[in-house]
Amino acid sequence: MTSATSIEFGPASGLVCRECGAAYDIGPLHACEQCFGPLEIAYDEELLGRVTRESIAAGPRSLWRYAGLLPVPSDAADYPNLAAGMTRLHRADNLANAIGMKPGALWVKDDSGNPTHSFKDRVVTVALAAARALGFTTIACASTGNLANAVAAAAARAGMRSCVFIPHDLEHAKVVQTAVYDGTLVAINGNYDDVNRLCAELSGEYEDWAFVNVNVRPFYAEGSKTLGYEVAEQLGWRLPQQVVVPIASGSLLTKVDKAWREFGKLGLVDATEYRVFGAQATGCSPVAAAYKAGHEVVQPVRPSTIARSLAIGNPADGPYALDVARRTGGSIEDVSDEEIVAAIALLARTEGVFAETAGGVTVATLCKLLQAGVLDPEAETVVLNTGDGLKTLDAVSSFGPSATIPPSLAAFRAAGLGT
């Protein structure tokens, strides 16, 4: 591998432990050697301060417009990549009317428009840029599906090898979408947490493999900030008052918050207050359970839900998601599988957006929070859809034709379909 000390990673100045504050040189590290806490990227404040609204707007229509705020080499965008980002922010007046929110107050950030149809393209884009610069030859991951798709596709585009590990019972559509890129795909008899433990062991055995959510996780996690950046830019350089974010590992929620705090600190937006709400499926809701019990520690669970992309029973960033929700005056809620399916249908029929099960979780949580009087129906709110419904067709297999009739006008009239 290339020595990290010989590479510049944009404004990144090193790594810092989130728990004890210990500092490290930038490189393929993810855990503190002193307290075993997670490491994250530290930045040079002077370099960050050079980024302006004008410099962002002048950049490409992809997440690379925010390269000056990310831990990537200056030439990262010049290498073959999938140019993720700049997905649609959809004003959702029909949905707002259906659930009792003020018209104009509700937006859906639809990240299904990314190259492999989920927000995971963002994190993989940043992780792969760092891995390439560090001299890794293989890109690998543990995944509940969307990350597998993103890693396999990004590696193919970059001309690198991929090795992806998934639970054996993953949705068929996600398995096919990963396998088609012809990398190595390994199904494990177990759940995501079993897969993740294996990958942690493998990362110590294969030194030229970059496990995006293990040894290069600090870089990977920063890719999620670009979703938060885009929301603020697309709203006209302002922050919404409320946001509902799905929780798997918890990293996305914490990084959206980090993005908005960074924008405020840099003067790119007014540093207005906002509330962050987390969304989980009841069948895998360890963070919601900890929030409701007033706990600081997240107790691991064994997942059992149709929302498999969120089925992480031992979420690495769970405690930090709790911190964000509490600090901002938000909360964390969970919803049943039945509520998830109903919410997928609601979003589809009101806004024409077909969300995967994780999107159903956020919309169902939005509705539940509104009904409980926790979320303000008049405050500007963004709800995140992180993936395409075509990835999770099994969850909505009960939907079908309105009727099956012979090919005749009389049959159509008899079925009463024209009224």
Foldseek 3Di string as FASTA:
>chain_A
DADLVVAAQAFFQFKAFPPPGDTGHDDLAFADPPPRGGIATDGDVVQLLVDAPVQLVPDDLALCSVSNVARAGPCLVVAFFQRFDNADWAQQQLLLVVLVFDRPQEIERQRLPTPLGFLLLLLLSQLVRRLVVNQAQEEEEQALQPNLLNRLVGCLRRVGAYAYEYAPPHFPLSVCSNCVSPHHYHHDPAASVVRHVVVQVVCVVDVSYHHSCHRVVNNSLLSLLSSLVSVCVVVPNEDFQEEEEEAALLSNQLSSVVSLVSCCVSVSHPNDAHAYEYFAAPQAPQLQVCQVVVHLDGDFDQGDALQSNRRHRHRSCSSVNSVRNVVRVHHYDHYYLVQLLVQQVSCCVRPVARAASSLSRQSSVVSVCVVVVSDHSHTRYYYYRGGHNVSRVVSVVVDDDPDDFPPDPVGCVVVVPVD
